[in-house]
Each structure stands twice: as structure tokens, then as C-alpha cells.
Amino acid sequence: MIGFARKHGWVDSDGSVRAHIEERAEAAAEPAPAVPVEAGAFKSAMRNLAGGVTVVATGAGRTRLGLTATAVTSVSADPPSLLVCVNSASGCHDAILANGVFSVNLLRDCDDELALRFAGLSGLHGADRFDDARWRSGAGDVPLLADALCTMACALVSHHTVGSHGIFIGRVTETTDRPGHPLVNFQGRLLPLVASAPPDRVLVASSA
């Protein structure tokens, strides 16, 4: 043992042996490849995620395009930014890329007909979906729904493609809001949402 330690230089001049611990890194096991769930199962699960119903729109005059969307979320408050997900096969997708601006209009609980119209279920297409009495032009000349629960005009900051959809991140350049209740999509149904939570159950944003 002493001879082995001396051979490897672990013995001091006074004959004491220094402790020597050799660590051997275990080879990290390769993670198993992630296997995605079947698309139908994913869609069924996501139907349980209630979401506010919006109309995402872009263009001006007869070039206006819009669609009903629930895949909208806040990204940052500083600077004010949000994202929307739009099917790449939609004409609105390429129009947002070309125009560099878009709007998000949160529908009120009485706007189910408007939601169906922009979902393509009314037979109307393109600019024919817009009722000029209810729409005005906002920052960047984007269409804004005058009586929406809230509206946000956005300048396109970035675009990413994930699977079948494009993710648009926009900087909010104009916003309005008014009292009322939103239209919500849950389990494939359009439902009104009535605020009924007591004051001590209201969600307050936290930086934690």
C-alpha cells in the first residue's frame, strides 16, 4: 500500500500518506426521446382550458382580414407586449407578416355572433366580415372593434413558426378597455363569464 502511494506521489517527506479521492463521472444516461401524445387527445385536453374569445385583425379598407382566436396571452408589461398564435394556413397569418401590425379585440359576452362570423361560420370572407359601423382604425391603421371589452393595437416584434402555427409577438401601441364581461370558449362552447368572486378571492399579480 505504501509503495503504491509513494509510486503515485501521495507520500509526504515525513512519511505520511495524503488522502487521495478520485471522482469518476458517471456517464449521463441519454434521456428517452419524447413521444408526443395523439393530436386528438391533446385537443380534448386543451378544450378544458377556458379562454377569452378575441378577434385578431390586420389590414385597412378592403384588405382587412380577421379571425377568431383564443390563443392570446400577455408576454410583458415592460414593454407592454403580447402574443397570438395563428394557423399558418390562414390568410391572416401572411397578412400580419406583410403589414407588420395587428390588433386584438376581446369580445363581450353578447358577441357570440361576431365570434362565429370571424371563425368562418357565417359564409362571409375577408373584408366582408367587418361591419363598418362597429370598426374604426387604430394605431398603424389596424381595425379596432369600437365596442369591444378591450382592444390592443400591436406592432409586430417577432414571428416564430411552431408546427402548424405562427407565433406573433407584438408591442402594444394603443389600448382601450370598458366595463363588461367577456365571452369565453370552454369545451368548444361560447359562454358568458360573470364575475362572482368575493374580494378575498380576486387574483392579484405577483412578481414571485
N, C-alpha and C. Protein backbone atom coordinates (compact mmCIF):
# COMPACT_ATOMS: atom_id res chain seq x y z
N MET A 1 0.83 -1.19 0.00
CA MET A 1 0.00 0.00 0.00
C MET A 1 0.87 1.25 0.00
N ILE A 2 1.92 1.30 0.93
CA ILE A 2 2.82 2.46 0.99
C ILE A 2 3.57 2.61 -0.31
N GLY A 3 4.01 1.47 -0.84
CA GLY A 3 4.75 1.51 -2.11
C GLY A 3 3.89 2.08 -3.23
N PHE A 4 2.62 1.69 -3.25
CA PHE A 4 1.71 2.19 -4.29
C PHE A 4 1.50 3.69 -4.14
N ALA A 5 1.34 4.14 -2.83
CA ALA A 5 1.15 5.56 -2.59
C ALA A 5 2.38 6.36 -2.96
N ARG A 6 3.60 5.79 -2.62
CA ARG A 6 4.85 6.50 -2.95
C ARG A 6 5.02 6.59 -4.46
N LYS A 7 4.65 5.53 -5.17
CA LYS A 7 4.78 5.50 -6.63
C LYS A 7 3.94 6.60 -7.28
N HIS A 8 2.78 6.90 -6.67
CA HIS A 8 1.89 7.91 -7.25
C HIS A 8 2.09 9.29 -6.63
N GLY A 9 3.14 9.46 -5.78
CA GLY A 9 3.45 10.77 -5.23
C GLY A 9 2.52 11.22 -4.15
N TRP A 10 1.91 10.26 -3.41
CA TRP A 10 0.97 10.64 -2.37
C TRP A 10 1.59 10.63 -0.98
N VAL A 11 2.95 10.39 -0.87
CA VAL A 11 3.63 10.31 0.43
C VAL A 11 4.43 11.58 0.64
N ASP A 12 4.20 12.25 1.81
CA ASP A 12 4.94 13.47 2.12
C ASP A 12 6.34 13.13 2.59
N SER A 13 7.17 14.18 2.75
CA SER A 13 8.57 13.98 3.16
C SER A 13 8.71 13.36 4.54
N ASP A 14 7.67 13.54 5.39
CA ASP A 14 7.72 12.95 6.73
C ASP A 14 7.15 11.53 6.77
N GLY A 15 6.83 10.99 5.60
CA GLY A 15 6.34 9.62 5.52
C GLY A 15 4.85 9.46 5.65
N SER A 16 4.13 10.59 5.87
CA SER A 16 2.67 10.48 5.99
C SER A 16 2.05 10.40 4.60
N VAL A 17 0.95 9.67 4.54
CA VAL A 17 0.26 9.47 3.27
C VAL A 17 -0.91 10.44 3.17
N ARG A 18 -0.96 11.18 2.08
CA ARG A 18 -2.06 12.10 1.85
C ARG A 18 -3.28 11.34 1.32
N ALA A 19 -4.43 11.72 1.81
CA ALA A 19 -5.67 11.11 1.29
C ALA A 19 -5.85 11.51 -0.17
N HIS A 20 -6.26 10.55 -0.96
CA HIS A 20 -6.47 10.82 -2.38
C HIS A 20 -7.81 10.23 -2.79
N ILE A 21 -8.69 11.11 -3.22
CA ILE A 21 -10.02 10.67 -3.63
C ILE A 21 -10.18 10.97 -5.11
N GLU A 22 -10.47 9.96 -5.86
CA GLU A 22 -10.64 10.13 -7.30
C GLU A 22 -12.11 9.98 -7.65
N GLU A 23 -12.63 11.04 -8.27
CA GLU A 23 -14.04 11.01 -8.66
C GLU A 23 -14.15 10.63 -10.12
N ARG A 24 -15.04 9.73 -10.39
CA ARG A 24 -15.29 9.32 -11.77
C ARG A 24 -16.73 9.68 -12.14
N ALA A 25 -16.80 10.55 -13.09
CA ALA A 25 -18.14 10.98 -13.50
C ALA A 25 -18.87 9.85 -14.20
N GLU A 26 -20.06 9.61 -13.72
CA GLU A 26 -20.88 8.60 -14.37
C GLU A 26 -21.37 9.17 -15.71
N ALA A 27 -21.33 8.39 -16.69
CA ALA A 27 -21.83 8.83 -17.98
C ALA A 27 -23.33 9.09 -17.87
N ALA A 28 -23.72 10.30 -18.24
CA ALA A 28 -25.13 10.67 -18.15
C ALA A 28 -25.96 9.79 -19.08
N ALA A 29 -27.01 9.27 -18.50
CA ALA A 29 -27.88 8.43 -19.31
C ALA A 29 -28.61 9.28 -20.34
N GLU A 30 -28.69 8.80 -21.53
CA GLU A 30 -29.39 9.53 -22.58
C GLU A 30 -30.90 9.50 -22.28
N PRO A 31 -31.53 10.69 -22.23
CA PRO A 31 -32.98 10.68 -21.97
C PRO A 31 -33.73 10.01 -23.11
N ALA A 32 -34.78 9.34 -22.73
CA ALA A 32 -35.60 8.69 -23.75
C ALA A 32 -36.25 9.75 -24.62
N PRO A 33 -36.32 9.54 -25.91
CA PRO A 33 -36.94 10.54 -26.78
C PRO A 33 -38.40 10.76 -26.41
N ALA A 34 -38.80 12.04 -26.38
CA ALA A 34 -40.18 12.38 -26.02
C ALA A 34 -41.12 11.93 -27.13
N VAL A 35 -42.15 11.24 -26.74
CA VAL A 35 -43.14 10.77 -27.71
C VAL A 35 -44.40 11.61 -27.52
N PRO A 36 -44.78 12.42 -28.52
CA PRO A 36 -45.95 13.28 -28.36
C PRO A 36 -47.23 12.46 -28.27
N VAL A 37 -48.19 13.01 -27.54
CA VAL A 37 -49.49 12.35 -27.46
C VAL A 37 -50.20 12.49 -28.80
N GLU A 38 -51.22 11.68 -28.98
CA GLU A 38 -52.02 11.76 -30.21
C GLU A 38 -52.74 13.11 -30.26
N ALA A 39 -52.82 13.69 -31.45
CA ALA A 39 -53.37 15.04 -31.61
C ALA A 39 -54.77 15.15 -31.04
N GLY A 40 -55.59 14.13 -31.23
CA GLY A 40 -56.96 14.17 -30.72
C GLY A 40 -57.00 14.26 -29.20
N ALA A 41 -56.11 13.53 -28.53
CA ALA A 41 -56.06 13.56 -27.07
C ALA A 41 -55.62 14.93 -26.58
N PHE A 42 -54.66 15.53 -27.29
CA PHE A 42 -54.18 16.86 -26.92
C PHE A 42 -55.31 17.88 -27.06
N LYS A 43 -56.02 17.84 -28.17
CA LYS A 43 -57.11 18.78 -28.39
C LYS A 43 -58.20 18.61 -27.35
N SER A 44 -58.49 17.36 -26.99
CA SER A 44 -59.52 17.10 -25.98
C SER A 44 -59.13 17.69 -24.64
N ALA A 45 -57.85 17.56 -24.28
CA ALA A 45 -57.38 18.12 -23.01
C ALA A 45 -57.43 19.65 -23.04
N MET A 46 -57.01 20.25 -24.14
CA MET A 46 -56.96 21.70 -24.23
C MET A 46 -58.35 22.34 -24.24
N ARG A 47 -59.37 21.57 -24.59
CA ARG A 47 -60.73 22.10 -24.57
C ARG A 47 -61.16 22.48 -23.16
N ASN A 48 -60.45 21.96 -22.15
CA ASN A 48 -60.77 22.28 -20.76
C ASN A 48 -60.12 23.58 -20.30
N LEU A 49 -59.25 24.15 -21.12
CA LEU A 49 -58.60 25.41 -20.77
C LEU A 49 -59.47 26.56 -21.28
N ALA A 50 -60.25 27.13 -20.38
CA ALA A 50 -61.14 28.22 -20.77
C ALA A 50 -60.32 29.43 -21.20
N GLY A 51 -60.79 30.12 -22.23
CA GLY A 51 -60.05 31.28 -22.73
C GLY A 51 -60.96 32.35 -23.26
N GLY A 52 -60.54 33.59 -23.08
CA GLY A 52 -61.28 34.71 -23.64
C GLY A 52 -61.28 34.65 -25.16
N VAL A 53 -62.39 35.02 -25.77
CA VAL A 53 -62.53 34.96 -27.22
C VAL A 53 -62.20 36.33 -27.81
N THR A 54 -61.30 36.35 -28.77
CA THR A 54 -60.87 37.60 -29.40
C THR A 54 -61.02 37.52 -30.91
N VAL A 55 -61.01 38.68 -31.54
CA VAL A 55 -60.84 38.78 -32.98
C VAL A 55 -59.48 39.42 -33.22
N VAL A 56 -58.61 38.71 -33.92
CA VAL A 56 -57.31 39.24 -34.32
C VAL A 56 -57.47 39.75 -35.74
N ALA A 57 -57.05 41.00 -35.99
CA ALA A 57 -57.30 41.61 -37.29
C ALA A 57 -56.10 42.40 -37.77
N THR A 58 -56.05 42.60 -39.08
CA THR A 58 -54.98 43.40 -39.70
C THR A 58 -55.50 43.94 -41.02
N GLY A 59 -54.78 44.91 -41.59
CA GLY A 59 -55.18 45.47 -42.87
C GLY A 59 -56.08 46.68 -42.73
N ALA A 60 -56.36 47.33 -43.86
CA ALA A 60 -57.22 48.51 -43.89
C ALA A 60 -58.16 48.42 -45.08
N GLY A 61 -59.35 49.03 -44.92
CA GLY A 61 -60.30 49.06 -46.02
C GLY A 61 -60.67 47.67 -46.51
N ARG A 62 -60.60 47.48 -47.83
CA ARG A 62 -60.97 46.20 -48.42
C ARG A 62 -59.89 45.14 -48.28
N THR A 63 -58.74 45.49 -47.68
CA THR A 63 -57.70 44.48 -47.44
C THR A 63 -57.77 43.93 -46.03
N ARG A 64 -58.78 44.33 -45.26
CA ARG A 64 -58.89 43.85 -43.88
C ARG A 64 -59.14 42.34 -43.83
N LEU A 65 -58.46 41.71 -42.89
CA LEU A 65 -58.66 40.29 -42.61
C LEU A 65 -58.72 40.11 -41.11
N GLY A 66 -59.49 39.14 -40.66
CA GLY A 66 -59.58 38.87 -39.24
C GLY A 66 -60.01 37.44 -38.98
N LEU A 67 -59.72 36.97 -37.79
CA LEU A 67 -60.13 35.62 -37.39
C LEU A 67 -60.38 35.57 -35.90
N THR A 68 -61.19 34.60 -35.49
CA THR A 68 -61.46 34.38 -34.08
C THR A 68 -60.31 33.59 -33.47
N ALA A 69 -59.83 34.05 -32.31
CA ALA A 69 -58.68 33.39 -31.68
C ALA A 69 -58.82 33.41 -30.17
N THR A 70 -58.39 32.31 -29.55
CA THR A 70 -58.30 32.25 -28.08
C THR A 70 -56.86 32.11 -27.62
N ALA A 71 -55.95 31.81 -28.56
CA ALA A 71 -54.53 31.63 -28.20
C ALA A 71 -53.85 32.99 -28.15
N VAL A 72 -54.20 33.76 -27.13
CA VAL A 72 -53.66 35.11 -26.92
C VAL A 72 -53.20 35.20 -25.48
N THR A 73 -52.03 35.74 -25.25
CA THR A 73 -51.55 35.86 -23.87
C THR A 73 -50.60 37.03 -23.71
N SER A 74 -50.55 37.56 -22.51
CA SER A 74 -49.61 38.63 -22.19
C SER A 74 -48.19 38.08 -22.16
N VAL A 75 -47.24 38.86 -22.64
CA VAL A 75 -45.83 38.47 -22.60
C VAL A 75 -45.07 39.31 -21.58
N SER A 76 -45.29 40.62 -21.59
CA SER A 76 -44.55 41.51 -20.72
C SER A 76 -45.34 42.79 -20.51
N ALA A 77 -45.19 43.39 -19.32
CA ALA A 77 -45.80 44.70 -19.07
C ALA A 77 -44.80 45.82 -19.31
N ASP A 78 -43.53 45.49 -19.40
CA ASP A 78 -42.49 46.49 -19.62
C ASP A 78 -41.42 45.94 -20.56
N PRO A 79 -41.52 46.17 -21.87
CA PRO A 79 -42.56 46.97 -22.52
C PRO A 79 -43.84 46.16 -22.70
N PRO A 80 -44.99 46.83 -22.80
CA PRO A 80 -46.25 46.11 -22.98
C PRO A 80 -46.22 45.26 -24.25
N SER A 81 -46.34 43.95 -24.09
CA SER A 81 -46.24 43.04 -25.24
C SER A 81 -47.18 41.86 -25.03
N LEU A 82 -47.65 41.31 -26.14
CA LEU A 82 -48.49 40.11 -26.08
C LEU A 82 -48.15 39.22 -27.26
N LEU A 83 -48.70 38.00 -27.22
CA LEU A 83 -48.50 37.09 -28.35
C LEU A 83 -49.83 36.49 -28.76
N VAL A 84 -49.92 36.19 -30.04
CA VAL A 84 -51.08 35.49 -30.58
C VAL A 84 -50.57 34.35 -31.45
N CYS A 85 -51.32 33.26 -31.49
CA CYS A 85 -50.98 32.12 -32.33
C CYS A 85 -52.00 32.02 -33.45
N VAL A 86 -51.51 31.97 -34.69
CA VAL A 86 -52.37 31.96 -35.87
C VAL A 86 -51.96 30.80 -36.77
N ASN A 87 -52.93 30.04 -37.23
CA ASN A 87 -52.64 28.93 -38.15
C ASN A 87 -51.93 29.46 -39.39
N SER A 88 -50.84 28.81 -39.76
CA SER A 88 -50.03 29.26 -40.89
C SER A 88 -50.80 29.20 -42.21
N ALA A 89 -51.85 28.37 -42.27
CA ALA A 89 -52.64 28.24 -43.49
C ALA A 89 -53.66 29.36 -43.64
N SER A 90 -53.84 30.16 -42.59
CA SER A 90 -54.81 31.25 -42.63
C SER A 90 -54.25 32.42 -43.43
N GLY A 91 -55.12 33.09 -44.19
CA GLY A 91 -54.69 34.27 -44.92
C GLY A 91 -54.26 35.38 -43.99
N CYS A 92 -54.82 35.39 -42.79
CA CYS A 92 -54.47 36.42 -41.81
C CYS A 92 -53.01 36.28 -41.38
N HIS A 93 -52.49 35.06 -41.39
CA HIS A 93 -51.10 34.82 -40.99
C HIS A 93 -50.14 35.60 -41.88
N ASP A 94 -50.25 35.43 -43.17
CA ASP A 94 -49.33 36.11 -44.09
C ASP A 94 -49.59 37.61 -44.13
N ALA A 95 -50.84 38.02 -43.92
CA ALA A 95 -51.16 39.44 -43.92
C ALA A 95 -50.51 40.16 -42.74
N ILE A 96 -50.49 39.52 -41.57
CA ILE A 96 -49.83 40.13 -40.41
C ILE A 96 -48.34 40.28 -40.68
N LEU A 97 -47.73 39.24 -41.28
CA LEU A 97 -46.31 39.33 -41.62
C LEU A 97 -46.05 40.48 -42.59
N ALA A 98 -46.92 40.62 -43.58
CA ALA A 98 -46.72 41.66 -44.60
C ALA A 98 -46.97 43.06 -44.05
N ASN A 99 -48.00 43.20 -43.20
CA ASN A 99 -48.36 44.52 -42.70
C ASN A 99 -47.51 44.97 -41.52
N GLY A 100 -47.03 44.01 -40.73
CA GLY A 100 -46.21 44.35 -39.57
C GLY A 100 -47.00 44.91 -38.40
N VAL A 101 -48.32 44.86 -38.48
CA VAL A 101 -49.18 45.34 -37.39
C VAL A 101 -50.41 44.42 -37.31
N PHE A 102 -51.02 44.39 -36.13
CA PHE A 102 -52.27 43.64 -35.96
C PHE A 102 -52.98 44.16 -34.72
N SER A 103 -54.23 43.76 -34.57
CA SER A 103 -54.99 44.15 -33.38
C SER A 103 -55.57 42.92 -32.71
N VAL A 104 -55.82 43.05 -31.42
CA VAL A 104 -56.51 42.02 -30.63
C VAL A 104 -57.72 42.69 -30.00
N ASN A 105 -58.89 42.13 -30.25
CA ASN A 105 -60.15 42.71 -29.77
C ASN A 105 -60.88 41.67 -28.93
N LEU A 106 -60.97 41.92 -27.62
CA LEU A 106 -61.61 40.97 -26.71
C LEU A 106 -63.12 41.16 -26.76
N LEU A 107 -63.83 40.09 -27.12
CA LEU A 107 -65.27 40.17 -27.32
C LEU A 107 -66.04 40.16 -26.00
N ARG A 108 -67.19 40.85 -26.02
CA ARG A 108 -68.08 40.86 -24.86
C ARG A 108 -68.97 39.62 -24.87
N ASP A 109 -69.63 39.40 -23.75
CA ASP A 109 -70.45 38.18 -23.61
C ASP A 109 -71.62 38.12 -24.59
N CYS A 110 -71.96 39.24 -25.23
CA CYS A 110 -73.06 39.24 -26.19
C CYS A 110 -72.57 39.15 -27.64
N ASP A 111 -71.28 38.93 -27.83
CA ASP A 111 -70.69 38.95 -29.17
C ASP A 111 -70.50 37.57 -29.78
N ASP A 112 -71.32 36.59 -29.40
CA ASP A 112 -71.13 35.25 -29.94
C ASP A 112 -71.32 35.20 -31.46
N GLU A 113 -72.24 36.01 -32.00
CA GLU A 113 -72.45 36.02 -33.45
C GLU A 113 -71.19 36.52 -34.16
N LEU A 114 -70.55 37.52 -33.58
CA LEU A 114 -69.32 38.06 -34.18
C LEU A 114 -68.21 37.02 -34.13
N ALA A 115 -68.13 36.28 -33.03
CA ALA A 115 -67.12 35.23 -32.90
C ALA A 115 -67.31 34.17 -33.98
N LEU A 116 -68.56 33.77 -34.22
CA LEU A 116 -68.84 32.77 -35.25
C LEU A 116 -68.53 33.30 -36.65
N ARG A 117 -68.82 34.59 -36.86
CA ARG A 117 -68.55 35.19 -38.17
C ARG A 117 -67.06 35.14 -38.50
N PHE A 118 -66.22 35.52 -37.54
CA PHE A 118 -64.78 35.54 -37.79
C PHE A 118 -64.15 34.15 -37.67
N ALA A 119 -64.93 33.19 -37.21
CA ALA A 119 -64.48 31.80 -37.24
C ALA A 119 -64.80 31.14 -38.57
N GLY A 120 -65.42 31.90 -39.48
CA GLY A 120 -65.72 31.39 -40.81
C GLY A 120 -67.02 30.62 -40.90
N LEU A 121 -67.91 30.79 -39.93
CA LEU A 121 -69.15 30.01 -39.91
C LEU A 121 -70.36 30.78 -40.43
N SER A 122 -70.13 31.97 -40.98
CA SER A 122 -71.25 32.77 -41.48
C SER A 122 -71.29 32.83 -43.00
N GLY A 123 -70.27 32.29 -43.66
CA GLY A 123 -70.20 32.36 -45.11
C GLY A 123 -69.54 33.62 -45.63
N LEU A 124 -69.20 34.55 -44.73
CA LEU A 124 -68.53 35.79 -45.13
C LEU A 124 -67.03 35.60 -45.13
N HIS A 125 -66.34 36.34 -46.00
CA HIS A 125 -64.89 36.21 -46.11
C HIS A 125 -64.25 37.60 -46.18
N GLY A 126 -62.96 37.63 -45.82
CA GLY A 126 -62.18 38.85 -45.97
C GLY A 126 -62.82 40.06 -45.31
N ALA A 127 -62.81 41.19 -46.05
CA ALA A 127 -63.33 42.44 -45.50
C ALA A 127 -64.83 42.41 -45.28
N ASP A 128 -65.54 41.46 -45.91
CA ASP A 128 -66.99 41.37 -45.73
C ASP A 128 -67.37 40.97 -44.30
N ARG A 129 -66.42 40.47 -43.54
CA ARG A 129 -66.72 40.10 -42.15
C ARG A 129 -66.82 41.33 -41.24
N PHE A 130 -66.31 42.46 -41.71
CA PHE A 130 -66.26 43.66 -40.88
C PHE A 130 -67.52 44.50 -41.10
N ASP A 131 -68.21 44.80 -40.00
CA ASP A 131 -69.34 45.72 -40.02
C ASP A 131 -68.78 47.10 -39.72
N ASP A 132 -68.72 47.97 -40.73
CA ASP A 132 -68.04 49.26 -40.58
C ASP A 132 -68.61 50.11 -39.45
N ALA A 133 -69.86 49.89 -39.08
CA ALA A 133 -70.45 50.67 -38.00
C ALA A 133 -69.80 50.37 -36.66
N ARG A 134 -69.17 49.21 -36.55
CA ARG A 134 -68.58 48.81 -35.27
C ARG A 134 -67.06 48.88 -35.27
N TRP A 135 -66.45 49.17 -36.40
CA TRP A 135 -65.00 49.14 -36.51
C TRP A 135 -64.43 50.52 -36.82
N ARG A 136 -63.26 50.79 -36.25
CA ARG A 136 -62.54 52.02 -36.52
C ARG A 136 -61.07 51.68 -36.75
N SER A 137 -60.30 52.64 -37.23
CA SER A 137 -58.87 52.42 -37.45
C SER A 137 -58.08 52.90 -36.24
N GLY A 138 -57.12 52.08 -35.79
CA GLY A 138 -56.29 52.44 -34.66
C GLY A 138 -54.86 52.70 -35.09
N ALA A 139 -53.94 52.67 -34.14
CA ALA A 139 -52.53 52.90 -34.42
C ALA A 139 -52.04 51.92 -35.47
N GLY A 140 -51.32 52.43 -36.48
CA GLY A 140 -50.86 51.58 -37.56
C GLY A 140 -51.96 51.22 -38.53
N ASP A 141 -53.12 51.90 -38.41
CA ASP A 141 -54.27 51.68 -39.29
C ASP A 141 -54.88 50.29 -39.12
N VAL A 142 -54.71 49.68 -37.94
CA VAL A 142 -55.29 48.36 -37.72
C VAL A 142 -56.77 48.49 -37.37
N PRO A 143 -57.59 47.48 -37.70
CA PRO A 143 -59.01 47.52 -37.34
C PRO A 143 -59.20 47.30 -35.84
N LEU A 144 -59.97 48.19 -35.21
CA LEU A 144 -60.30 48.05 -33.79
C LEU A 144 -61.82 48.01 -33.65
N LEU A 145 -62.31 47.06 -32.87
CA LEU A 145 -63.75 46.93 -32.62
C LEU A 145 -64.16 47.98 -31.60
N ALA A 146 -64.99 48.94 -32.01
CA ALA A 146 -65.28 50.10 -31.19
C ALA A 146 -65.90 49.76 -29.84
N ASP A 147 -66.73 48.72 -29.77
CA ASP A 147 -67.41 48.40 -28.52
C ASP A 147 -66.90 47.10 -27.89
N ALA A 148 -65.68 46.71 -28.22
CA ALA A 148 -65.08 45.52 -27.60
C ALA A 148 -64.83 45.76 -26.12
N LEU A 149 -64.70 44.68 -25.37
CA LEU A 149 -64.39 44.80 -23.95
C LEU A 149 -63.03 45.47 -23.78
N CYS A 150 -62.08 45.09 -24.62
CA CYS A 150 -60.81 45.82 -24.70
C CYS A 150 -60.23 45.61 -26.09
N THR A 151 -59.43 46.58 -26.52
CA THR A 151 -58.75 46.48 -27.81
C THR A 151 -57.27 46.79 -27.60
N MET A 152 -56.42 46.16 -28.40
CA MET A 152 -54.99 46.43 -28.36
C MET A 152 -54.44 46.45 -29.78
N ALA A 153 -53.87 47.58 -30.17
CA ALA A 153 -53.17 47.67 -31.45
C ALA A 153 -51.71 47.32 -31.20
N CYS A 154 -51.14 46.52 -32.09
CA CYS A 154 -49.79 45.99 -31.85
C CYS A 154 -48.90 46.17 -33.08
N ALA A 155 -47.64 46.48 -32.83
CA ALA A 155 -46.62 46.47 -33.87
C ALA A 155 -45.86 45.16 -33.75
N LEU A 156 -45.71 44.46 -34.86
CA LEU A 156 -45.07 43.15 -34.85
C LEU A 156 -43.60 43.27 -34.47
N VAL A 157 -43.19 42.50 -33.45
CA VAL A 157 -41.80 42.49 -32.98
C VAL A 157 -41.06 41.27 -33.49
N SER A 158 -41.70 40.10 -33.41
CA SER A 158 -41.06 38.88 -33.88
C SER A 158 -42.10 37.84 -34.25
N HIS A 159 -41.64 36.86 -35.03
CA HIS A 159 -42.51 35.79 -35.51
C HIS A 159 -41.76 34.48 -35.44
N HIS A 160 -42.42 33.44 -34.96
CA HIS A 160 -41.81 32.12 -34.85
C HIS A 160 -42.82 31.09 -35.36
N THR A 161 -42.33 30.08 -36.05
CA THR A 161 -43.19 29.01 -36.53
C THR A 161 -42.98 27.77 -35.67
N VAL A 162 -44.06 27.25 -35.12
CA VAL A 162 -44.03 26.01 -34.33
C VAL A 162 -45.14 25.11 -34.86
N GLY A 163 -44.75 24.02 -35.50
CA GLY A 163 -45.75 23.11 -36.05
C GLY A 163 -46.64 23.81 -37.06
N SER A 164 -47.94 23.73 -36.83
CA SER A 164 -48.92 24.26 -37.79
C SER A 164 -49.19 25.75 -37.61
N HIS A 165 -48.62 26.37 -36.58
CA HIS A 165 -48.99 27.75 -36.26
C HIS A 165 -47.80 28.70 -36.25
N GLY A 166 -48.12 29.96 -36.49
CA GLY A 166 -47.15 31.03 -36.33
C GLY A 166 -47.42 31.75 -35.02
N ILE A 167 -46.37 32.06 -34.29
CA ILE A 167 -46.48 32.81 -33.04
C ILE A 167 -46.04 34.24 -33.33
N PHE A 168 -46.95 35.19 -33.15
CA PHE A 168 -46.65 36.60 -33.38
C PHE A 168 -46.52 37.31 -32.04
N ILE A 169 -45.40 37.95 -31.81
CA ILE A 169 -45.21 38.76 -30.61
C ILE A 169 -45.31 40.23 -31.02
N GLY A 170 -46.21 40.95 -30.36
CA GLY A 170 -46.46 42.34 -30.73
C GLY A 170 -46.24 43.29 -29.57
N ARG A 171 -45.72 44.47 -29.87
CA ARG A 171 -45.60 45.56 -28.91
C ARG A 171 -46.89 46.36 -28.94
N VAL A 172 -47.55 46.51 -27.80
CA VAL A 172 -48.85 47.19 -27.75
C VAL A 172 -48.64 48.69 -27.86
N THR A 173 -49.26 49.30 -28.88
CA THR A 173 -49.08 50.73 -29.14
C THR A 173 -50.33 51.55 -28.83
N GLU A 174 -51.44 50.88 -28.64
CA GLU A 174 -52.69 51.57 -28.29
C GLU A 174 -53.61 50.57 -27.62
N THR A 175 -54.31 51.02 -26.58
CA THR A 175 -55.24 50.11 -25.92
C THR A 175 -56.43 50.88 -25.37
N THR A 176 -57.58 50.23 -25.35
CA THR A 176 -58.79 50.77 -24.72
C THR A 176 -59.45 49.64 -23.94
N ASP A 177 -60.20 50.00 -22.91
CA ASP A 177 -61.00 48.99 -22.21
C ASP A 177 -62.23 49.65 -21.62
N ARG A 178 -63.24 48.84 -21.39
CA ARG A 178 -64.50 49.36 -20.87
C ARG A 178 -65.15 48.31 -19.98
N PRO A 179 -66.08 48.71 -19.12
CA PRO A 179 -66.73 47.74 -18.22
C PRO A 179 -67.51 46.69 -19.01
N GLY A 180 -67.63 45.54 -18.41
CA GLY A 180 -68.41 44.48 -19.04
C GLY A 180 -67.87 43.11 -18.70
N HIS A 181 -68.41 42.09 -19.34
CA HIS A 181 -67.99 40.71 -19.11
C HIS A 181 -67.57 40.08 -20.43
N PRO A 182 -66.56 39.20 -20.39
CA PRO A 182 -66.04 38.64 -21.64
C PRO A 182 -66.82 37.42 -22.12
N LEU A 183 -66.65 37.15 -23.40
CA LEU A 183 -67.11 35.90 -23.99
C LEU A 183 -65.99 34.88 -23.84
N VAL A 184 -66.34 33.67 -23.40
CA VAL A 184 -65.33 32.66 -23.09
C VAL A 184 -65.59 31.40 -23.91
N ASN A 185 -64.52 30.78 -24.35
CA ASN A 185 -64.61 29.48 -25.03
C ASN A 185 -64.22 28.38 -24.04
N PHE A 186 -65.14 27.44 -23.82
CA PHE A 186 -64.88 26.32 -22.92
C PHE A 186 -65.56 25.08 -23.48
N GLN A 187 -64.77 24.01 -23.65
CA GLN A 187 -65.30 22.77 -24.20
C GLN A 187 -65.95 22.98 -25.56
N GLY A 188 -65.40 23.91 -26.35
CA GLY A 188 -65.94 24.16 -27.67
C GLY A 188 -67.22 24.96 -27.70
N ARG A 189 -67.62 25.50 -26.55
CA ARG A 189 -68.85 26.30 -26.48
C ARG A 189 -68.50 27.74 -26.14
N LEU A 190 -69.28 28.68 -26.67
CA LEU A 190 -69.13 30.09 -26.35
C LEU A 190 -70.03 30.41 -25.18
N LEU A 191 -69.45 30.88 -24.08
CA LEU A 191 -70.20 31.09 -22.85
C LEU A 191 -69.92 32.48 -22.30
N PRO A 192 -70.92 33.12 -21.67
CA PRO A 192 -70.67 34.38 -20.98
C PRO A 192 -69.99 34.10 -19.65
N LEU A 193 -69.14 35.02 -19.22
CA LEU A 193 -68.46 34.88 -17.93
C LEU A 193 -68.90 36.02 -17.04
N VAL A 194 -69.48 35.69 -15.90
CA VAL A 194 -69.95 36.70 -14.97
C VAL A 194 -69.03 36.69 -13.76
N ALA A 195 -68.47 37.86 -13.42
CA ALA A 195 -67.57 37.95 -12.27
C ALA A 195 -68.37 37.78 -10.99
N SER A 196 -68.03 36.75 -10.19
CA SER A 196 -68.79 36.50 -8.97
C SER A 196 -67.88 36.21 -7.78
N ALA A 197 -66.56 36.33 -7.97
CA ALA A 197 -65.63 36.01 -6.88
C ALA A 197 -65.69 37.08 -5.80
N PRO A 198 -65.73 36.67 -4.50
CA PRO A 198 -65.67 37.65 -3.41
C PRO A 198 -64.32 38.36 -3.42
N PRO A 199 -64.23 39.54 -2.80
CA PRO A 199 -62.99 40.33 -2.85
C PRO A 199 -61.75 39.57 -2.41
N ASP A 200 -61.88 38.66 -1.42
CA ASP A 200 -60.70 37.96 -0.93
C ASP A 200 -60.27 36.81 -1.84
N ARG A 201 -60.98 36.61 -2.94
CA ARG A 201 -60.63 35.54 -3.87
C ARG A 201 -60.16 36.09 -5.21
N VAL A 202 -59.98 37.39 -5.30
CA VAL A 202 -59.54 38.00 -6.55
C VAL A 202 -58.05 37.80 -6.72
N LEU A 203 -57.65 37.36 -7.91
CA LEU A 203 -56.24 37.10 -8.20
C LEU A 203 -55.50 38.41 -8.38
N VAL A 204 -54.40 38.56 -7.65
CA VAL A 204 -53.54 39.74 -7.76
C VAL A 204 -52.20 39.31 -8.30
N ALA A 205 -51.70 40.00 -9.32
CA ALA A 205 -50.42 39.64 -9.93
C ALA A 205 -49.30 39.75 -8.91
N SER A 206 -48.36 38.83 -8.96
CA SER A 206 -47.22 38.82 -8.05
C SER A 206 -45.94 38.64 -8.84
N SER A 207 -44.85 39.23 -8.34
CA SER A 207 -43.56 39.09 -9.01
C SER A 207 -42.80 37.87 -8.53
N ALA A 208 -43.38 37.10 -7.59
CA ALA A 208 -42.70 35.92 -7.04
C ALA A 208 -42.55 34.85 -8.09
